[in-house]
Amino acid sequence: MAGLVRGVVAGASLMASTLHDVAARSGTSIATVSRALNQPEKLRRETLERVREAIRELHFRPNLIGRQLRGDRTNLIGVVLPDMLNPVFGECLQGIEESAGCGAYRVLLTTTGYDPAREGQAIDTLLSQRVDGLILTVARAQDHPLLDELAASGVPYQLVYNHSAMHPCVSVDNRAAARELVTELVLLGHRRIGMLSGTRAASDRAQQRHLGYCDAMRGFSLPARAPLEIDFHQRRLPTSMLAALRDPRRRPTALFCGNDFLALLVMRELREAGMQVPEDMSVVGFDGLSFSELLDPPLATVCQPHRQLGSTAWSHLQHVLEGGTPRSSVLAHRLRIGGTVAPPSSRVLPE
């Protein structure tokens, strides 16, 4: 009986060790542990030794994670998105699921709440579920260490919405689209054009859209104002910001919002303050939320093909899973002008 108990305890101990445990003990990632087990020749000797030492200390048994470590497919795809409160990501996910489902793949979703610190946890969680590949939207793609590690470890992955010359991605040209939209405002006669942005440190898309705003303004020798910046989860404008937008001597005649949600937030706040859009201020967004066209007036915005972004990201990832090389695409955007845009109002006084 004692021997049986010892055997059961030993078995329980073995079962308790996971890829995540080995990664934590060795100071590496789950992707690196997988590579050490499957393709050790791809790792540096020191890294491989650290992983193997952790495996010995934890009595880790690779067969516990089954088919993935034997090279078999699980037909699971991991998706990492900032949140599901913004419908653009829901449309993108729908595009992924519809396309992946045609190939008998299932999707596992995790969100990061625009928190870069949660991205590593999300990736580790999905890899521990033995996904065959990843589709991700991250905070900053250009210098993201986890993406570099995924690439070095051979884990198939595809960015969506992010644009990066260093990683496979599917996006629109955020900078060019913002430049075109702000140019339309200038051509309508606007000279005092402001920008409201989400936290730029949490979104390289927000950074690119701000650069596009600056390009357009400088192209007409107009001053590019410092962007008003708020957290993506904020549902009210700060008092000082609203006061500036209400002041007829300080407020812009047009406001470029970094996404449609911010534009809707501004429109509500202005309406509650007794102002009218576009009579008192033109407001434009970025994303092309489907329901924003049903507003009165309809929201002027940049429309992105969200479902196509998702389906194209899956197509590119599937290409890699089938032995192809990673690839990137920049999809077309379109402008929806009118509704919340009009020539400058005489109600705005000169500064």
Protein backbone atom coordinates (compact mmCIF):
# COMPACT_ATOMS: atom_id res chain seq x y z
CA MET A 1 0.00 0.00 0.00
CA ALA A 2 2.79 2.41 0.90
CA GLY A 3 4.42 1.68 -2.45
CA LEU A 4 1.14 2.35 -4.24
CA VAL A 5 0.74 5.65 -2.38
CA ARG A 6 4.27 6.65 -3.33
CA GLY A 7 3.52 5.76 -6.93
CA VAL A 8 0.30 7.78 -6.91
CA VAL A 9 2.05 10.78 -5.33
CA ALA A 10 4.88 10.54 -7.83
CA GLY A 11 2.37 10.34 -10.66
CA ALA A 12 0.50 13.36 -9.32
CA SER A 13 3.79 15.27 -9.13
CA LEU A 14 4.56 14.43 -12.74
CA MET A 15 1.10 15.41 -13.86
CA ALA A 16 1.45 18.76 -12.09
CA SER A 17 4.42 19.81 -14.25
CA THR A 18 3.46 21.72 -17.38
CA LEU A 19 5.15 23.62 -20.19
CA HIS A 20 4.41 26.79 -18.23
CA ASP A 21 6.23 25.40 -15.19
CA VAL A 22 9.29 24.51 -17.23
CA ALA A 23 9.28 27.93 -18.90
CA ALA A 24 9.07 29.67 -15.52
CA ARG A 25 11.82 27.52 -13.98
CA SER A 26 14.18 28.01 -16.92
CA GLY A 27 13.43 31.72 -17.39
CA THR A 28 12.27 31.19 -20.96
CA SER A 29 8.92 31.09 -22.78
CA ILE A 30 6.57 28.24 -23.57
CA ALA A 31 7.55 28.62 -27.22
CA THR A 32 11.23 28.11 -26.32
CA VAL A 33 10.42 25.01 -24.25
CA SER A 34 8.48 23.57 -27.19
CA ARG A 35 11.43 24.25 -29.46
CA ALA A 36 13.81 22.58 -26.99
CA LEU A 37 11.66 19.46 -27.12
CA ASN A 38 11.01 19.44 -30.86
CA GLN A 39 13.91 21.20 -32.55
CA PRO A 40 16.74 21.54 -30.01
CA GLU A 41 19.25 22.31 -32.74
CA LYS A 42 17.53 25.66 -33.26
CA LEU A 43 18.39 26.90 -29.75
CA ARG A 44 21.61 28.25 -28.30
CA ARG A 45 23.44 25.70 -26.19
CA GLU A 46 23.06 27.73 -22.98
CA THR A 47 19.31 28.15 -23.49
CA LEU A 48 18.86 24.48 -24.28
CA GLU A 49 20.75 23.48 -21.13
CA ARG A 50 18.58 25.74 -18.96
CA VAL A 51 15.43 24.18 -20.35
CA ARG A 52 16.73 20.64 -19.96
CA GLU A 53 17.80 21.32 -16.37
CA ALA A 54 14.29 22.61 -15.58
CA ILE A 55 12.79 19.52 -17.19
CA ARG A 56 14.96 17.29 -15.00
CA GLU A 57 14.20 19.23 -11.81
CA LEU A 58 10.44 19.18 -12.44
CA HIS A 59 10.36 15.58 -13.73
CA PHE A 60 8.50 16.94 -16.73
CA ARG A 61 7.25 14.31 -19.19
CA PRO A 62 6.74 15.68 -22.73
CA ASN A 63 4.12 13.07 -23.60
CA LEU A 64 1.73 14.85 -21.24
CA ILE A 65 1.03 17.51 -23.85
CA GLY A 66 0.42 14.90 -26.49
CA ARG A 67 0.05 15.61 -30.14
CA GLN A 68 1.64 19.06 -30.30
CA LEU A 69 5.04 17.88 -29.14
CA ARG A 70 4.93 14.93 -31.53
CA GLY A 71 4.38 17.36 -34.39
CA ASP A 72 0.69 16.54 -34.83
CA ARG A 73 -1.91 19.25 -35.38
CA THR A 74 -4.53 20.20 -32.82
CA ASN A 75 -6.51 22.30 -35.36
CA LEU A 76 -6.67 25.08 -32.75
CA ILE A 77 -5.77 28.68 -33.58
CA GLY A 78 -5.05 31.20 -30.83
CA VAL A 79 -6.29 34.77 -31.28
CA VAL A 80 -5.09 37.69 -29.14
CA LEU A 81 -7.11 40.94 -29.43
CA PRO A 82 -7.17 44.10 -27.27
CA ASP A 83 -10.84 43.72 -26.28
CA MET A 84 -14.27 42.74 -27.49
CA LEU A 85 -16.04 45.94 -26.40
CA ASN A 86 -14.99 47.59 -29.65
CA PRO A 87 -17.07 45.99 -32.44
CA VAL A 88 -14.20 46.25 -34.92
CA PHE A 89 -12.47 43.35 -33.18
CA GLY A 90 -15.69 41.35 -33.18
CA GLU A 91 -15.97 41.77 -36.95
CA CYS A 92 -12.33 40.78 -37.35
CA LEU A 93 -12.85 37.69 -35.20
CA GLN A 94 -15.86 36.77 -37.28
CA GLY A 95 -13.69 36.91 -40.40
CA ILE A 96 -11.11 34.65 -38.74
CA GLU A 97 -13.67 32.14 -37.49
CA GLU A 98 -15.59 31.92 -40.76
CA SER A 99 -12.43 31.29 -42.76
CA ALA A 100 -10.73 28.99 -40.27
CA GLY A 101 -13.93 27.01 -39.81
CA CYS A 102 -13.92 26.12 -43.50
CA GLY A 103 -10.68 24.28 -42.81
CA ALA A 104 -12.02 22.55 -39.70
CA TYR A 105 -10.00 24.79 -37.37
CA ARG A 106 -11.34 26.09 -34.08
CA VAL A 107 -10.47 29.43 -32.52
CA LEU A 108 -9.39 30.14 -28.94
CA LEU A 109 -9.69 33.83 -28.02
CA THR A 110 -8.00 35.85 -25.30
CA THR A 111 -7.99 39.62 -24.76
CA THR A 112 -5.43 41.98 -23.25
CA GLY A 113 -7.42 45.12 -22.43
CA TYR A 114 -4.83 47.27 -24.28
CA ASP A 115 -2.36 46.26 -21.56
CA PRO A 116 1.05 45.34 -23.04
CA ALA A 117 1.97 43.50 -19.83
CA ARG A 118 -0.90 41.04 -20.42
CA GLU A 119 0.20 40.13 -23.93
CA GLY A 120 2.90 37.73 -22.79
CA GLN A 121 0.47 36.00 -20.45
CA ALA A 122 -2.09 35.70 -23.25
CA ILE A 123 0.46 34.17 -25.63
CA ASP A 124 1.68 31.70 -22.99
CA THR A 125 -1.87 30.70 -22.16
CA LEU A 126 -2.70 29.95 -25.78
CA LEU A 127 0.54 28.06 -26.40
CA SER A 128 -0.17 25.94 -23.33
CA GLN A 129 -3.45 24.98 -25.03
CA ARG A 130 -1.39 23.56 -27.91
CA VAL A 131 -2.56 25.94 -30.61
CA ASP A 132 -1.07 25.37 -34.05
CA GLY A 133 -0.55 29.09 -34.63
CA LEU A 134 -1.41 32.59 -33.42
CA ILE A 135 -3.19 35.65 -34.83
CA LEU A 136 -2.43 38.74 -32.74
CA THR A 137 -3.00 42.45 -32.30
CA VAL A 138 -0.34 43.86 -29.97
CA ALA A 139 0.50 47.27 -28.58
CA ARG A 140 3.71 47.92 -30.47
CA ALA A 141 4.75 45.52 -33.20
CA GLN A 142 8.02 47.16 -34.23
CA ASP A 143 10.01 46.42 -31.07
CA HIS A 144 7.97 43.69 -29.41
CA PRO A 145 10.31 41.14 -27.75
CA LEU A 146 7.64 38.43 -27.64
CA LEU A 147 7.19 38.59 -31.41
CA ASP A 148 10.93 38.23 -31.87
CA GLU A 149 10.85 35.20 -29.60
CA LEU A 150 7.95 33.64 -31.48
CA ALA A 151 9.84 34.13 -34.72
CA ALA A 152 13.04 32.64 -33.29
CA SER A 153 11.13 29.68 -31.84
CA GLY A 154 9.37 28.86 -35.08
CA VAL A 155 5.83 29.34 -33.78
CA PRO A 156 3.58 30.32 -36.73
CA TYR A 157 1.98 33.72 -36.08
CA GLN A 158 0.29 36.54 -37.98
CA LEU A 159 -0.35 40.12 -36.90
CA VAL A 160 -3.64 41.80 -37.71
CA TYR A 161 -4.21 45.61 -37.54
CA ASN A 162 -0.54 46.12 -36.63
CA HIS A 163 1.83 47.10 -39.41
CA SER A 164 5.47 46.07 -39.19
CA ALA A 165 8.26 45.56 -41.67
CA MET A 166 9.75 42.98 -39.28
CA HIS A 167 6.76 40.66 -38.82
CA PRO A 168 4.01 39.15 -41.01
CA CYS A 169 0.99 41.44 -40.78
CA VAL A 170 -2.34 42.40 -42.30
CA SER A 171 -3.49 46.00 -41.91
CA VAL A 172 -4.59 49.15 -43.66
CA ASP A 173 -2.18 52.05 -44.07
CA ASN A 174 -3.22 53.96 -40.96
CA ARG A 175 -0.92 56.90 -41.60
CA ALA A 176 -2.05 57.39 -45.20
CA ALA A 177 -5.73 57.00 -44.28
CA ALA A 178 -5.49 59.61 -41.50
CA ARG A 179 -3.65 61.97 -43.83
CA GLU A 180 -6.37 61.64 -46.47
CA LEU A 181 -9.16 62.21 -43.95
CA VAL A 182 -7.60 65.33 -42.42
CA THR A 183 -6.81 66.63 -45.91
CA GLU A 184 -10.53 66.50 -46.69
CA LEU A 185 -11.19 68.69 -43.67
CA VAL A 186 -8.62 71.23 -44.83
CA LEU A 187 -10.11 71.30 -48.32
CA LEU A 188 -13.48 72.11 -46.75
CA GLY A 189 -11.92 75.22 -45.24
CA HIS A 190 -10.92 74.02 -41.76
CA ARG A 191 -7.69 75.41 -40.36
CA ARG A 192 -8.06 74.75 -36.65
CA ILE A 193 -8.16 70.97 -36.66
CA GLY A 194 -7.50 69.08 -33.43
CA MET A 195 -7.00 65.39 -32.68
CA LEU A 196 -8.35 63.21 -29.90
CA SER A 197 -6.40 59.99 -29.46
CA GLY A 198 -6.43 56.93 -27.29
CA THR A 199 -3.29 56.15 -25.31
CA ARG A 200 -0.60 56.09 -28.00
CA ALA A 201 1.75 53.99 -25.87
CA ALA A 202 -0.85 51.20 -25.96
CA SER A 203 -1.47 51.28 -29.72
CA ASP A 204 0.90 51.70 -32.63
CA ARG A 205 -2.22 52.32 -34.75
CA ALA A 206 -2.92 55.44 -32.68
CA GLN A 207 0.67 56.54 -33.25
CA GLN A 208 0.41 56.07 -37.01
CA ARG A 209 -2.89 57.95 -37.17
CA HIS A 210 -1.35 60.86 -35.30
CA LEU A 211 1.55 60.92 -37.76
CA GLY A 212 -0.96 61.03 -40.61
CA TYR A 213 -2.73 63.97 -38.96
CA CYS A 214 0.61 65.79 -38.66
CA ASP A 215 1.47 65.00 -42.31
CA ALA A 216 -1.76 66.57 -43.53
CA MET A 217 -1.50 69.68 -41.39
CA ARG A 218 2.13 70.34 -42.27
CA GLY A 219 1.37 69.68 -45.93
CA PHE A 220 -0.80 72.81 -45.84
CA SER A 221 1.59 74.73 -43.56
CA LEU A 222 -0.91 74.51 -40.73
CA PRO A 223 0.04 73.98 -37.07
CA ALA A 224 -0.41 70.38 -35.88
CA ARG A 225 -1.81 70.65 -32.38
CA ALA A 226 -0.64 68.30 -29.66
CA PRO A 227 -3.24 65.50 -29.51
CA LEU A 228 -5.73 65.30 -26.68
CA GLU A 229 -5.11 61.84 -25.25
CA ILE A 230 -7.36 59.67 -23.08
CA ASP A 231 -7.45 56.05 -21.98
CA PHE A 232 -9.19 53.68 -24.41
CA HIS A 233 -11.58 52.59 -21.65
CA GLN A 234 -12.61 56.12 -20.63
CA ARG A 235 -16.29 56.89 -21.12
CA ARG A 236 -16.30 60.60 -20.20
CA LEU A 237 -14.07 63.42 -21.32
CA PRO A 238 -11.99 65.07 -18.59
CA THR A 239 -13.55 68.35 -17.42
CA SER A 240 -10.63 70.44 -18.65
CA MET A 241 -10.75 68.82 -22.08
CA LEU A 242 -14.49 69.38 -22.42
CA ALA A 243 -14.08 73.00 -21.34
CA ALA A 244 -11.52 73.53 -24.11
CA LEU A 245 -13.88 72.03 -26.68
CA ARG A 246 -16.72 74.27 -25.53
CA ASP A 247 -14.71 77.51 -25.61
CA PRO A 248 -15.48 79.26 -28.96
CA ARG A 249 -12.04 80.95 -28.92
CA ARG A 250 -10.01 77.82 -28.16
CA ARG A 251 -11.86 74.94 -29.70
CA PRO A 252 -11.01 73.53 -33.12
CA THR A 253 -13.48 73.87 -35.95
CA ALA A 254 -12.96 70.16 -36.67
CA LEU A 255 -11.83 67.28 -34.46
CA PHE A 256 -10.18 64.14 -35.81
CA CYS A 257 -10.80 61.26 -33.40
CA GLY A 258 -8.44 58.29 -33.46
CA ASN A 259 -11.31 55.79 -33.56
CA ASP A 260 -15.08 55.80 -33.93
CA PHE A 261 -15.72 55.16 -30.24
CA LEU A 262 -13.86 58.35 -29.34
CA ALA A 263 -15.87 60.22 -31.97
CA LEU A 264 -19.14 58.93 -30.51
CA LEU A 265 -17.96 59.93 -27.04
CA VAL A 266 -17.18 63.46 -28.21
CA MET A 267 -20.51 63.80 -30.00
CA ARG A 268 -22.41 62.80 -26.87
CA GLU A 269 -20.43 65.19 -24.68
CA LEU A 270 -20.89 68.10 -27.10
CA ARG A 271 -24.61 67.41 -27.37
CA GLU A 272 -24.96 67.38 -23.59
CA ALA A 273 -23.09 70.69 -23.51
CA GLY A 274 -25.66 72.21 -25.89
CA MET A 275 -23.49 72.10 -29.00
CA GLN A 276 -24.38 70.67 -32.40
CA VAL A 277 -22.37 68.50 -34.79
CA PRO A 278 -21.39 69.60 -37.40
CA GLU A 279 -22.86 73.09 -36.94
CA ASP A 280 -20.57 73.98 -34.02
CA MET A 281 -17.80 71.48 -34.73
CA SER A 282 -17.10 68.85 -37.36
CA VAL A 283 -16.21 65.44 -35.92
CA VAL A 284 -14.58 62.54 -37.78
CA GLY A 285 -13.57 59.08 -36.61
CA PHE A 286 -11.53 56.12 -37.78
CA ASP A 287 -12.66 52.48 -38.15
CA GLY A 288 -16.00 52.53 -39.96
CA LEU A 289 -18.20 50.92 -37.33
CA SER A 290 -21.20 49.57 -39.21
CA PHE A 291 -23.78 51.15 -36.89
CA SER A 292 -22.13 54.59 -37.05
CA GLU A 293 -23.63 55.02 -40.53
CA LEU A 294 -27.09 54.76 -38.92
CA LEU A 295 -26.51 57.74 -36.63
CA ASP A 296 -28.14 61.11 -37.20
CA PRO A 297 -26.01 62.57 -38.64
CA PRO A 298 -23.94 59.62 -39.93
CA LEU A 299 -20.37 59.63 -38.68
CA ALA A 300 -17.68 60.67 -41.16
CA THR A 301 -14.81 58.22 -40.80
CA VAL A 302 -12.18 55.97 -42.33
CA CYS A 303 -13.72 52.57 -43.08
CA GLN A 304 -11.55 49.50 -42.56
CA PRO A 305 -12.56 46.07 -43.98
CA HIS A 306 -12.57 44.34 -40.61
CA ARG A 307 -13.90 40.95 -41.65
CA GLN A 308 -11.52 40.91 -44.60
CA LEU A 309 -8.64 41.77 -42.27
CA GLY A 310 -9.54 38.73 -40.17
CA SER A 311 -10.02 36.36 -43.11
CA THR A 312 -6.78 37.52 -44.76
CA ALA A 313 -4.86 37.06 -41.50
CA TRP A 314 -6.13 33.48 -41.34
CA SER A 315 -5.29 32.87 -45.01
CA HIS A 316 -1.71 34.01 -44.43
CA LEU A 317 -1.37 31.92 -41.27
CA GLN A 318 -2.80 28.87 -43.01
CA HIS A 319 -0.23 29.37 -45.77
CA VAL A 320 2.54 29.11 -43.16
CA LEU A 321 0.94 26.07 -41.48
CA GLU A 322 0.99 24.35 -44.86
CA GLY A 323 4.70 24.97 -45.27
CA GLY A 324 4.71 28.38 -46.97
CA THR A 325 6.71 31.45 -46.03
CA PRO A 326 5.20 34.29 -43.94
CA ARG A 327 3.65 37.15 -45.87
CA SER A 328 2.02 40.54 -45.30
CA SER A 329 -0.79 42.54 -46.88
CA VAL A 330 -1.99 46.14 -46.76
CA LEU A 331 -5.73 46.23 -47.50
CA ALA A 332 -7.62 49.15 -49.00
CA HIS A 333 -9.53 51.61 -46.84
CA ARG A 334 -12.19 54.09 -47.90
CA LEU A 335 -13.36 57.45 -46.62
CA ARG A 336 -16.95 58.15 -45.62
CA ILE A 337 -17.33 61.93 -45.71
CA GLY A 338 -20.44 63.93 -44.88
CA GLY A 339 -22.89 63.74 -42.02
CA THR A 340 -20.76 64.99 -39.14
CA VAL A 341 -18.57 67.16 -41.42
CA ALA A 342 -19.38 70.62 -42.75
CA PRO A 343 -17.42 73.80 -43.58
CA PRO A 344 -16.21 75.79 -40.54
CA SER A 345 -18.93 77.44 -38.47
CA SER A 346 -19.02 81.15 -37.87
CA ARG A 347 -19.85 80.33 -34.23
CA VAL A 348 -16.14 79.59 -33.61
CA LEU A 349 -14.33 82.81 -32.81
CA PRO A 350 -10.76 83.58 -33.95
CA GLU A 351 -8.02 82.82 -31.42
